[in-house]
């Protein structure tokens, strides 16, 4: 895979933390991995958006009641997540 050298401006505190985590490993590799993860997330979200557009085209708009129900589920999930102890994941 081709590589290209670039200049980046990053938050100083985040960069310091990244250097601490990366240690002797390559800072470039850590940033490259972060960019790859970010792009994967946005590709996934774009695919979900396309899928939802296709569903709406085929079946019509989602009823308001269903959207409200889904919003309540997300609010409960977010509240549960916020109140649970944070677990550090290896990796």
PDB file of N, CA and C in Angstrom:
ATOM      1  N   UNK A   1       0.841  -1.164   0.000  1.00  0.00           N
ATOM      2  CA  UNK A   1       0.000   0.000   0.000  1.00  0.00           C
ATOM      3  C   UNK A   1       0.896   1.240   0.000  1.00  0.00           C
ATOM      4  N   UNK A   2       0.581   2.174  -0.835  1.00  0.00           N
ATOM      5  CA  UNK A   2       1.359   3.403  -0.932  1.00  0.00           C
ATOM      6  C   UNK A   2       1.149   4.270   0.310  1.00  0.00           C
ATOM      7  N   UNK A   3       2.194   4.927   0.719  1.00  0.00           N
ATOM      8  CA  UNK A   3       2.134   5.837   1.865  1.00  0.00           C
ATOM      9  C   UNK A   3       2.456   7.242   1.376  1.00  0.00           C
ATOM     10  N   UNK A   4       1.918   8.232   2.065  1.00  0.00           N
ATOM     11  CA  UNK A   4       2.177   9.626   1.728  1.00  0.00           C
ATOM     12  C   UNK A   4       2.445  10.386   3.013  1.00  0.00           C
ATOM     13  N   UNK A   5       3.486  11.167   3.018  1.00  0.00           N
ATOM     14  CA  UNK A   5       3.830  11.963   4.193  1.00  0.00           C
ATOM     15  C   UNK A   5       2.966  13.222   4.211  1.00  0.00           C
ATOM     16  N   UNK A   6       2.365  13.509   5.382  1.00  0.00           N
ATOM     17  CA  UNK A   6       1.522  14.685   5.543  1.00  0.00           C
ATOM     18  C   UNK A   6       1.891  15.399   6.841  1.00  0.00           C
ATOM     19  N   UNK A   7       1.454  16.623   6.953  1.00  0.00           N
ATOM     20  CA  UNK A   7       1.595  17.385   8.189  1.00  0.00           C
ATOM     21  C   UNK A   7       0.212  17.512   8.813  1.00  0.00           C
ATOM     22  N   UNK A   8       0.116  17.184  10.096  1.00  0.00           N
ATOM     23  CA  UNK A   8      -1.155  17.250  10.804  1.00  0.00           C
ATOM     24  C   UNK A   8      -1.046  18.187  11.996  1.00  0.00           C
ATOM     25  N   UNK A   9      -2.139  18.820  12.328  1.00  0.00           N
ATOM     26  CA  UNK A   9      -2.223  19.600  13.551  1.00  0.00           C
ATOM     27  C   UNK A   9      -3.206  18.871  14.460  1.00  0.00           C
ATOM     28  N   UNK A  10      -2.702  18.425  15.607  1.00  0.00           N
ATOM     29  CA  UNK A  10      -3.510  17.621  16.522  1.00  0.00           C
ATOM     30  C   UNK A  10      -3.578  18.299  17.889  1.00  0.00           C
ATOM     31  N   UNK A  11      -4.628  17.973  18.634  1.00  0.00           N
ATOM     32  CA  UNK A  11      -4.775  18.454  20.000  1.00  0.00           C
ATOM     33  C   UNK A  11      -3.569  17.967  20.811  1.00  0.00           C
ATOM     34  N   UNK A  12      -2.902  18.884  21.501  1.00  0.00           N
ATOM     35  CA  UNK A  12      -1.663  18.565  22.217  1.00  0.00           C
ATOM     36  C   UNK A  12      -1.876  17.502  23.289  1.00  0.00           C
ATOM     37  N   UNK A  13      -2.959  17.590  24.049  1.00  0.00           N
ATOM     38  CA  UNK A  13      -3.217  16.612  25.099  1.00  0.00           C
ATOM     39  C   UNK A  13      -3.473  15.224  24.519  1.00  0.00           C
ATOM     40  N   UNK A  14      -4.246  15.175  23.441  1.00  0.00           N
ATOM     41  CA  UNK A  14      -4.523  13.886  22.807  1.00  0.00           C
ATOM     42  C   UNK A  14      -3.251  13.296  22.204  1.00  0.00           C
ATOM     43  N   UNK A  15      -2.415  14.142  21.621  1.00  0.00           N
ATOM     44  CA  UNK A  15      -1.163  13.670  21.042  1.00  0.00           C
ATOM     45  C   UNK A  15      -0.252  13.112  22.129  1.00  0.00           C
ATOM     46  N   UNK A  16      -0.191  13.787  23.262  1.00  0.00           N
ATOM     47  CA  UNK A  16       0.625  13.298  24.375  1.00  0.00           C
ATOM     48  C   UNK A  16       0.128  11.939  24.851  1.00  0.00           C
ATOM     49  N   UNK A  17      -1.193  11.808  24.967  1.00  0.00           N
ATOM     50  CA  UNK A  17      -1.769  10.524  25.389  1.00  0.00           C
ATOM     51  C   UNK A  17      -1.480   9.436  24.359  1.00  0.00           C
ATOM     52  N   UNK A  18      -1.597   9.775  23.088  1.00  0.00           N
ATOM     53  CA  UNK A  18      -1.305   8.800  22.034  1.00  0.00           C
ATOM     54  C   UNK A  18       0.150   8.364  22.085  1.00  0.00           C
ATOM     55  N   UNK A  19       1.049   9.308  22.296  1.00  0.00           N
ATOM     56  CA  UNK A  19       2.475   8.957  22.393  1.00  0.00           C
ATOM     57  C   UNK A  19       2.723   8.042  23.588  1.00  0.00           C
ATOM     58  N   UNK A  20       2.027   8.291  24.695  1.00  0.00           N
ATOM     59  CA  UNK A  20       2.165   7.444  25.877  1.00  0.00           C
ATOM     60  C   UNK A  20       1.675   6.030  25.580  1.00  0.00           C
ATOM     61  N   UNK A  21       0.533   5.940  24.924  1.00  0.00           N
ATOM     62  CA  UNK A  21      -0.037   4.628  24.598  1.00  0.00           C
ATOM     63  C   UNK A  21       0.802   3.905  23.557  1.00  0.00           C
ATOM     64  N   UNK A  22       1.211   4.612  22.522  1.00  0.00           N
ATOM     65  CA  UNK A  22       1.974   3.992  21.432  1.00  0.00           C
ATOM     66  C   UNK A  22       3.360   3.580  21.886  1.00  0.00           C
ATOM     67  N   UNK A  23       3.921   4.305  22.850  1.00  0.00           N
ATOM     68  CA  UNK A  23       5.249   3.967  23.357  1.00  0.00           C
ATOM     69  C   UNK A  23       6.276   3.989  22.248  1.00  0.00           C
ATOM     70  N   UNK A  24       7.033   2.914  22.162  1.00  0.00           N
ATOM     71  CA  UNK A  24       8.111   2.838  21.169  1.00  0.00           C
ATOM     72  C   UNK A  24       7.585   2.500  19.779  1.00  0.00           C
ATOM     73  N   UNK A  25       6.313   2.140  19.704  1.00  0.00           N
ATOM     74  CA  UNK A  25       5.753   1.811  18.394  1.00  0.00           C
ATOM     75  C   UNK A  25       5.607   3.072  17.563  1.00  0.00           C
ATOM     76  N   UNK A  26       5.309   2.893  16.326  1.00  0.00           N
ATOM     77  CA  UNK A  26       5.220   4.005  15.394  1.00  0.00           C
ATOM     78  C   UNK A  26       3.988   4.867  15.639  1.00  0.00           C
ATOM     79  N   UNK A  27       4.200   6.164  15.829  1.00  0.00           N
ATOM     80  CA  UNK A  27       3.101   7.109  15.948  1.00  0.00           C
ATOM     81  C   UNK A  27       2.322   7.162  14.631  1.00  0.00           C
ATOM     82  N   UNK A  28       3.029   7.094  13.517  1.00  0.00           N
ATOM     83  CA  UNK A  28       2.360   7.092  12.210  1.00  0.00           C
ATOM     84  C   UNK A  28       1.422   5.903  12.072  1.00  0.00           C
ATOM     85  N   UNK A  29       1.860   4.738  12.531  1.00  0.00           N
ATOM     86  CA  UNK A  29       1.010   3.545  12.448  1.00  0.00           C
ATOM     87  C   UNK A  29      -0.234   3.708  13.313  1.00  0.00           C
ATOM     88  N   UNK A  30      -0.069   4.308  14.500  1.00  0.00           N
ATOM     89  CA  UNK A  30      -1.218   4.524  15.383  1.00  0.00           C
ATOM     90  C   UNK A  30      -2.227   5.467  14.737  1.00  0.00           C
ATOM     91  N   UNK A  31      -1.759   6.553  14.144  1.00  0.00           N
ATOM     92  CA  UNK A  31      -2.656   7.499  13.477  1.00  0.00           C
ATOM     93  C   UNK A  31      -3.294   6.845  12.254  1.00  0.00           C
ATOM     94  N   UNK A  32      -2.518   6.077  11.505  1.00  0.00           N
ATOM     95  CA  UNK A  32      -3.054   5.390  10.329  1.00  0.00           C
ATOM     96  C   UNK A  32      -4.160   4.412  10.727  1.00  0.00           C
ATOM     97  N   UNK A  33      -3.957   3.681  11.827  1.00  0.00           N
ATOM     98  CA  UNK A  33      -4.986   2.753  12.318  1.00  0.00           C
ATOM     99  C   UNK A  33      -6.236   3.498  12.758  1.00  0.00           C
ATOM    100  N   UNK A  34      -6.054   4.649  13.408  1.00  0.00           N
ATOM    101  CA  UNK A  34      -7.202   5.450  13.847  1.00  0.00           C
ATOM    102  C   UNK A  34      -7.990   5.962  12.645  1.00  0.00           C
ATOM    103  N   UNK A  35      -7.293   6.405  11.618  1.00  0.00           N
ATOM    104  CA  UNK A  35      -7.966   6.883  10.406  1.00  0.00           C
ATOM    105  C   UNK A  35      -8.715   5.729   9.746  1.00  0.00           C
ATOM    106  N   UNK A  36      -8.107   4.546   9.699  1.00  0.00           N
ATOM    107  CA  UNK A  36      -8.777   3.380   9.110  1.00  0.00           C
ATOM    108  C   UNK A  36     -10.057   3.046   9.873  1.00  0.00           C
ATOM    109  N   UNK A  37     -10.007   3.087  11.205  1.00  0.00           N
ATOM    110  CA  UNK A  37     -11.197   2.805  12.016  1.00  0.00           C
ATOM    111  C   UNK A  37     -12.271   3.860  11.783  1.00  0.00           C
ATOM    112  N   UNK A  38     -11.881   5.112  11.683  1.00  0.00           N
ATOM    113  CA  UNK A  38     -12.813   6.214  11.440  1.00  0.00           C
ATOM    114  C   UNK A  38     -13.501   6.038  10.088  1.00  0.00           C
ATOM    115  N   UNK A  39     -12.714   5.716   9.069  1.00  0.00           N
ATOM    116  CA  UNK A  39     -13.290   5.516   7.735  1.00  0.00           C
ATOM    117  C   UNK A  39     -14.232   4.314   7.701  1.00  0.00           C
ATOM    118  N   UNK A  40     -13.867   3.244   8.397  1.00  0.00           N
ATOM    119  CA  UNK A  40     -14.737   2.062   8.472  1.00  0.00           C
ATOM    120  C   UNK A  40     -16.075   2.424   9.095  1.00  0.00           C
ATOM    121  N   UNK A  41     -16.037   3.209  10.180  1.00  0.00           N
ATOM    122  CA  UNK A  41     -17.270   3.646  10.837  1.00  0.00           C
ATOM    123  C   UNK A  41     -18.141   4.436   9.872  1.00  0.00           C
ATOM    124  N   UNK A  42     -17.560   5.405   9.156  1.00  0.00           N
ATOM    125  CA  UNK A  42     -18.346   6.251   8.258  1.00  0.00           C
ATOM    126  C   UNK A  42     -18.837   5.494   7.036  1.00  0.00           C
ATOM    127  N   UNK A  43     -18.074   4.515   6.556  1.00  0.00           N
ATOM    128  CA  UNK A  43     -18.571   3.670   5.454  1.00  0.00           C
ATOM    129  C   UNK A  43     -19.777   2.865   5.919  1.00  0.00           C
ATOM    130  N   UNK A  44     -19.699   2.345   7.137  1.00  0.00           N
ATOM    131  CA  UNK A  44     -20.815   1.572   7.694  1.00  0.00           C
ATOM    132  C   UNK A  44     -22.056   2.453   7.831  1.00  0.00           C
ATOM    133  N   UNK A  45     -21.887   3.660   8.388  1.00  0.00           N
ATOM    134  CA  UNK A  45     -23.027   4.563   8.543  1.00  0.00           C
ATOM    135  C   UNK A  45     -23.631   4.940   7.186  1.00  0.00           C
ATOM    136  N   UNK A  46     -22.793   5.140   6.188  1.00  0.00           N
ATOM    137  CA  UNK A  46     -23.303   5.457   4.850  1.00  0.00           C
ATOM    138  C   UNK A  46     -24.091   4.277   4.279  1.00  0.00           C
ATOM    139  N   UNK A  47     -23.609   3.058   4.523  1.00  0.00           N
ATOM    140  CA  UNK A  47     -24.321   1.869   4.046  1.00  0.00           C
ATOM    141  C   UNK A  47     -25.675   1.735   4.745  1.00  0.00           C
ATOM    142  N   UNK A  48     -25.714   2.018   6.051  1.00  0.00           N
ATOM    143  CA  UNK A  48     -26.989   1.967   6.787  1.00  0.00           C
ATOM    144  C   UNK A  48     -27.948   3.025   6.237  1.00  0.00           C
ATOM    145  N   UNK A  49     -27.438   4.236   5.983  1.00  0.00           N
ATOM    146  CA  UNK A  49     -28.278   5.285   5.396  1.00  0.00           C
ATOM    147  C   UNK A  49     -28.852   4.844   4.047  1.00  0.00           C
ATOM    148  N   UNK A  50     -28.027   4.234   3.209  1.00  0.00           N
ATOM    149  CA  UNK A  50     -28.496   3.750   1.909  1.00  0.00           C
ATOM    150  C   UNK A  50     -29.572   2.686   2.087  1.00  0.00           C
ATOM    151  N   UNK A  51     -29.343   1.773   3.043  1.00  0.00           N
ATOM    152  CA  UNK A  51     -30.298   0.702   3.301  1.00  0.00           C
ATOM    153  C   UNK A  51     -31.629   1.273   3.781  1.00  0.00           C
ATOM    154  N   UNK A  52     -31.574   2.256   4.698  1.00  0.00           N
ATOM    155  CA  UNK A  52     -32.807   2.866   5.190  1.00  0.00           C
ATOM    156  C   UNK A  52     -33.545   3.614   4.075  1.00  0.00           C
ATOM    157  N   UNK A  53     -32.811   4.260   3.200  1.00  0.00           N
ATOM    158  CA  UNK A  53     -33.424   4.946   2.057  1.00  0.00           C
ATOM    159  C   UNK A  53     -34.128   3.937   1.154  1.00  0.00           C
ATOM    160  N   UNK A  54     -33.480   2.809   0.907  1.00  0.00           N
ATOM    161  CA  UNK A  54     -34.096   1.761   0.080  1.00  0.00           C
ATOM    162  C   UNK A  54     -35.369   1.220   0.737  1.00  0.00           C
ATOM    163  N   UNK A  55     -35.311   0.991   2.062  1.00  0.00           N
ATOM    164  CA  UNK A  55     -36.487   0.490   2.772  1.00  0.00           C
ATOM    165  C   UNK A  55     -37.636   1.492   2.706  1.00  0.00           C
ATOM    166  N   UNK A  56     -37.312   2.770   2.894  1.00  0.00           N
ATOM    167  CA  UNK A  56     -38.356   3.794   2.845  1.00  0.00           C
ATOM    168  C   UNK A  56     -38.953   3.896   1.442  1.00  0.00           C
ATOM    169  N   UNK A  57     -38.119   3.772   0.435  1.00  0.00           N
ATOM    170  CA  UNK A  57     -38.609   3.821  -0.944  1.00  0.00           C
ATOM    171  C   UNK A  57     -39.541   2.639  -1.217  1.00  0.00           C
ATOM    172  N   UNK A  58     -39.190   1.476  -0.676  1.00  0.00           N
ATOM    173  CA  UNK A  58     -39.980   0.268  -0.925  1.00  0.00           C
ATOM    174  C   UNK A  58     -41.239   0.196  -0.064  1.00  0.00           C
ATOM    175  N   UNK A  59     -41.133   0.633   1.207  1.00  0.00           N
ATOM    176  CA  UNK A  59     -42.232   0.426   2.152  1.00  0.00           C
ATOM    177  C   UNK A  59     -42.882   1.711   2.661  1.00  0.00           C
ATOM    178  N   UNK A  60     -42.362   2.862   2.265  1.00  0.00           N
ATOM    179  CA  UNK A  60     -42.905   4.124   2.742  1.00  0.00           C
ATOM    180  C   UNK A  60     -42.199   4.587   4.002  1.00  0.00           C
ATOM    181  N   UNK A  61     -42.542   5.778   4.453  1.00  0.00           N
ATOM    182  CA  UNK A  61     -41.860   6.335   5.625  1.00  0.00           C
ATOM    183  C   UNK A  61     -42.149   5.545   6.894  1.00  0.00           C
ATOM    184  N   UNK A  62     -41.208   5.629   7.821  1.00  0.00           N
ATOM    185  CA  UNK A  62     -41.363   4.967   9.118  1.00  0.00           C
ATOM    186  C   UNK A  62     -42.416   5.733   9.911  1.00  0.00           C
ATOM    187  N   UNK A  63     -43.389   5.035  10.494  1.00  0.00           N
ATOM    188  CA  UNK A  63     -44.418   5.715  11.292  1.00  0.00           C
ATOM    189  C   UNK A  63     -43.805   6.474  12.469  1.00  0.00           C
ATOM    190  N   UNK A  64     -44.405   7.595  12.814  1.00  0.00           N
ATOM    191  CA  UNK A  64     -43.927   8.428  13.918  1.00  0.00           C
ATOM    192  C   UNK A  64     -43.843   7.636  15.210  1.00  0.00           C
ATOM    193  N   UNK A  65     -44.824   6.775  15.467  1.00  0.00           N
ATOM    194  CA  UNK A  65     -44.835   5.976  16.698  1.00  0.00           C
ATOM    195  C   UNK A  65     -43.595   5.084  16.772  1.00  0.00           C
ATOM    196  N   UNK A  66     -43.196   4.520  15.649  1.00  0.00           N
ATOM    197  CA  UNK A  66     -42.013   3.653  15.619  1.00  0.00           C
ATOM    198  C   UNK A  66     -40.754   4.463  15.886  1.00  0.00           C
ATOM    199  N   UNK A  67     -40.649   5.652  15.306  1.00  0.00           N
ATOM    200  CA  UNK A  67     -39.495   6.504  15.550  1.00  0.00           C
ATOM    201  C   UNK A  67     -39.414   6.917  17.012  1.00  0.00           C
ATOM    202  N   UNK A  68     -40.561   7.235  17.620  1.00  0.00           N
ATOM    203  CA  UNK A  68     -40.577   7.606  19.035  1.00  0.00           C
ATOM    204  C   UNK A  68     -40.167   6.427  19.911  1.00  0.00           C
ATOM    205  N   UNK A  69     -40.654   5.238  19.593  1.00  0.00           N
ATOM    206  CA  UNK A  69     -40.298   4.026  20.320  1.00  0.00           C
ATOM    207  C   UNK A  69     -38.788   3.786  20.231  1.00  0.00           C
ATOM    208  N   UNK A  70     -38.226   3.932  19.035  1.00  0.00           N
ATOM    209  CA  UNK A  70     -36.789   3.722  18.849  1.00  0.00           C
ATOM    210  C   UNK A  70     -35.988   4.768  19.621  1.00  0.00           C
ATOM    211  N   UNK A  71     -36.444   6.009  19.632  1.00  0.00           N
ATOM    212  CA  UNK A  71     -35.756   7.067  20.372  1.00  0.00           C
ATOM    213  C   UNK A  71     -35.739   6.751  21.863  1.00  0.00           C
ATOM    214  N   UNK A  72     -36.854   6.217  22.386  1.00  0.00           N
ATOM    215  CA  UNK A  72     -36.908   5.850  23.803  1.00  0.00           C
ATOM    216  C   UNK A  72     -35.938   4.714  24.115  1.00  0.00           C
ATOM    217  N   UNK A  73     -35.849   3.749  23.212  1.00  0.00           N
ATOM    218  CA  UNK A  73     -34.892   2.655  23.404  1.00  0.00           C
ATOM    219  C   UNK A  73     -33.465   3.191  23.466  1.00  0.00           C
ATOM    220  N   UNK A  74     -33.142   4.088  22.551  1.00  0.00           N
ATOM    221  CA  UNK A  74     -31.799   4.657  22.533  1.00  0.00           C
ATOM    222  C   UNK A  74     -31.513   5.474  23.787  1.00  0.00           C
ATOM    223  N   UNK A  75     -32.497   6.228  24.250  1.00  0.00           N
ATOM    224  CA  UNK A  75     -32.316   7.011  25.474  1.00  0.00           C
ATOM    225  C   UNK A  75     -32.053   6.094  26.671  1.00  0.00           C
ATOM    226  N   UNK A  76     -32.805   4.999  26.773  1.00  0.00           N
ATOM    227  CA  UNK A  76     -32.599   4.048  27.873  1.00  0.00           C
ATOM    228  C   UNK A  76     -31.234   3.391  27.771  1.00  0.00           C
ATOM    229  N   UNK A  77     -30.863   3.003  26.557  1.00  0.00           N
ATOM    230  CA  UNK A  77     -29.558   2.371  26.339  1.00  0.00           C
ATOM    231  C   UNK A  77     -28.440   3.331  26.727  1.00  0.00           C
ATOM    232  N   UNK A  78     -28.561   4.590  26.315  1.00  0.00           N
ATOM    233  CA  UNK A  78     -27.546   5.591  26.625  1.00  0.00           C
ATOM    234  C   UNK A  78     -27.470   5.838  28.126  1.00  0.00           C
ATOM    235  N   UNK A  79     -28.623   5.907  28.793  1.00  0.00           N
ATOM    236  CA  UNK A  79     -28.643   6.114  30.239  1.00  0.00           C
ATOM    237  C   UNK A  79     -28.018   4.918  30.958  1.00  0.00           C
ATOM    238  N   UNK A  80     -28.335   3.712  30.527  1.00  0.00           N
ATOM    239  CA  UNK A  80     -27.753   2.505  31.130  1.00  0.00           C
ATOM    240  C   UNK A  80     -26.241   2.491  30.941  1.00  0.00           C
ATOM    241  N   UNK A  81     -25.816   2.869  29.756  1.00  0.00           N
ATOM    242  CA  UNK A  81     -24.383   2.891  29.457  1.00  0.00           C
ATOM    243  C   UNK A  81     -23.668   3.931  30.308  1.00  0.00           C
ATOM    244  N   UNK A  82     -24.283   5.084  30.495  1.00  0.00           N
ATOM    245  CA  UNK A  82     -23.682   6.157  31.266  1.00  0.00           C
ATOM    246  C   UNK A  82     -23.577   5.796  32.745  1.00  0.00           C
ATOM    247  N   UNK A  83     -24.519   4.992  33.249  1.00  0.00           N
ATOM    248  CA  UNK A  83     -24.530   4.657  34.678  1.00  0.00           C
ATOM    249  C   UNK A  83     -23.707   3.411  34.997  1.00  0.00           C
ATOM    250  N   UNK A  84     -23.327   2.646  34.003  1.00  0.00           N
ATOM    251  CA  UNK A  84     -22.546   1.423  34.280  1.00  0.00           C
ATOM    252  C   UNK A  84     -21.066   1.779  34.379  1.00  0.00           C
ATOM    253  N   UNK A  85     -20.323   0.971  35.155  1.00  0.00           N
ATOM    254  CA  UNK A  85     -18.887   1.233  35.276  1.00  0.00           C
ATOM    255  C   UNK A  85     -18.199   1.066  33.929  1.00  0.00           C
ATOM    256  N   UNK A  86     -17.238   1.904  33.704  1.00  0.00           N
ATOM    257  CA  UNK A  86     -16.507   1.844  32.435  1.00  0.00           C
ATOM    258  C   UNK A  86     -15.524   0.673  32.518  1.00  0.00           C
ATOM    259  N   UNK A  87     -15.530  -0.117  31.471  1.00  0.00           N
ATOM    260  CA  UNK A  87     -14.608  -1.248  31.386  1.00  0.00           C
ATOM    261  C   UNK A  87     -13.587  -0.944  30.321  1.00  0.00           C
ATOM    262  N   UNK A  88     -12.346  -1.069  30.671  1.00  0.00           N
ATOM    263  CA  UNK A  88     -11.269  -0.858  29.702  1.00  0.00           C
ATOM    264  C   UNK A  88     -11.126  -2.110  28.867  1.00  0.00           C
ATOM    265  N   UNK A  89     -11.117  -1.908  27.574  1.00  0.00           N
ATOM    266  CA  UNK A  89     -10.946  -3.048  26.664  1.00  0.00           C
ATOM    267  C   UNK A  89      -9.497  -3.121  26.228  1.00  0.00           C
ATOM    268  N   UNK A  90      -8.983  -4.314  26.204  1.00  0.00           N
ATOM    269  CA  UNK A  90      -7.609  -4.509  25.736  1.00  0.00           C
ATOM    270  C   UNK A  90      -7.552  -4.301  24.236  1.00  0.00           C
ATOM    271  N   UNK A  91      -6.421  -3.887  23.769  1.00  0.00           N
ATOM    272  CA  UNK A  91      -6.285  -3.754  22.323  1.00  0.00           C
ATOM    273  C   UNK A  91      -5.807  -2.448  21.980  1.00  0.00           C
TER     274      UNK A  91
END
